[in-house]
């Protein structure tokens, strides 16, 4: 999976702490390359969904409510 997010040591640590295989970061295109297994999808689906939301600029409902 490739996901466009700003490079962050905190994010890298979070990905690795979950046991997800972080392959590398493409500086040219600003993308993380992450190897996700079917087990990762089952165990960490909310986290993976959150990564996709962040990369697409989609805010979660709870974030919207906090700003109101």
Protein backbone atom coordinates (compact mmCIF):
# COMPACT_ATOMS: atom_id res chain seq x y z
CA UNK A 1 0.00 0.00 0.00
CA UNK A 2 1.25 3.49 -0.76
CA UNK A 3 -0.11 6.37 1.23
CA UNK A 4 0.71 10.05 0.83
CA UNK A 5 1.45 11.59 4.21
CA UNK A 6 4.08 13.94 5.52
CA UNK A 7 7.10 12.09 6.89
CA UNK A 8 6.81 11.72 10.64
CA UNK A 9 8.91 9.76 13.11
CA UNK A 10 5.87 9.55 15.40
CA UNK A 11 3.77 7.98 12.63
CA UNK A 12 6.56 5.58 11.70
CA UNK A 13 6.86 4.46 15.32
CA UNK A 14 3.10 3.95 15.55
CA UNK A 15 3.03 1.84 12.38
CA UNK A 16 5.95 -0.28 13.53
CA UNK A 17 4.56 -0.67 17.07
CA UNK A 18 1.46 -2.29 15.56
CA UNK A 19 3.66 -4.82 13.78
CA UNK A 20 2.82 -3.48 10.31
CA UNK A 21 5.69 -3.76 7.82
CA UNK A 22 6.85 -0.21 7.00
CA UNK A 23 8.93 -0.54 3.85
CA UNK A 24 10.21 2.95 3.06
CA UNK A 25 9.33 6.60 2.47
CA UNK A 26 9.47 8.06 -1.03
CA UNK A 27 10.69 11.63 -0.50
CA UNK A 28 10.09 12.59 -4.11
CA UNK A 29 6.35 11.86 -3.97
CA UNK A 30 5.81 12.11 -0.21
CA UNK A 31 4.50 8.57 0.15
CA UNK A 32 4.94 5.78 2.65
CA UNK A 33 5.12 2.24 1.33
CA UNK A 34 3.51 -0.18 3.75
CA UNK A 35 3.15 -3.93 3.37
CA UNK A 36 -0.21 -4.99 4.80
CA UNK A 37 -1.22 -8.59 5.36
CA UNK A 38 -4.78 -9.85 5.68
CA UNK A 39 -4.08 -10.29 9.39
CA UNK A 40 -3.07 -6.61 9.62
CA UNK A 41 -6.37 -5.65 7.98
CA UNK A 42 -8.30 -7.65 10.57
CA UNK A 43 -6.34 -6.47 13.61
CA UNK A 44 -5.74 -2.85 12.64
CA UNK A 45 -8.59 -1.92 10.29
CA UNK A 46 -9.47 1.26 12.23
CA UNK A 47 -5.85 2.43 12.20
CA UNK A 48 -5.49 1.72 8.47
CA UNK A 49 -8.76 3.52 7.73
CA UNK A 50 -7.48 6.48 9.75
CA UNK A 51 -4.26 6.58 7.69
CA UNK A 52 -6.30 6.65 4.47
CA UNK A 53 -8.58 9.39 5.84
CA UNK A 54 -5.58 11.50 6.84
CA UNK A 55 -3.96 11.07 3.43
CA UNK A 56 -7.17 12.16 1.71
CA UNK A 57 -7.84 15.03 4.09
CA UNK A 58 -11.05 13.45 5.39
CA UNK A 59 -11.84 14.37 8.96
CA UNK A 60 -13.55 11.96 11.32
CA UNK A 61 -16.90 13.03 12.82
CA UNK A 62 -15.40 13.28 16.33
CA UNK A 63 -12.80 15.77 15.04
CA UNK A 64 -15.54 17.88 13.46
CA UNK A 65 -17.55 17.93 16.70
CA UNK A 66 -14.50 18.98 18.73
CA UNK A 67 -14.04 22.03 16.50
CA UNK A 68 -17.65 23.21 16.86
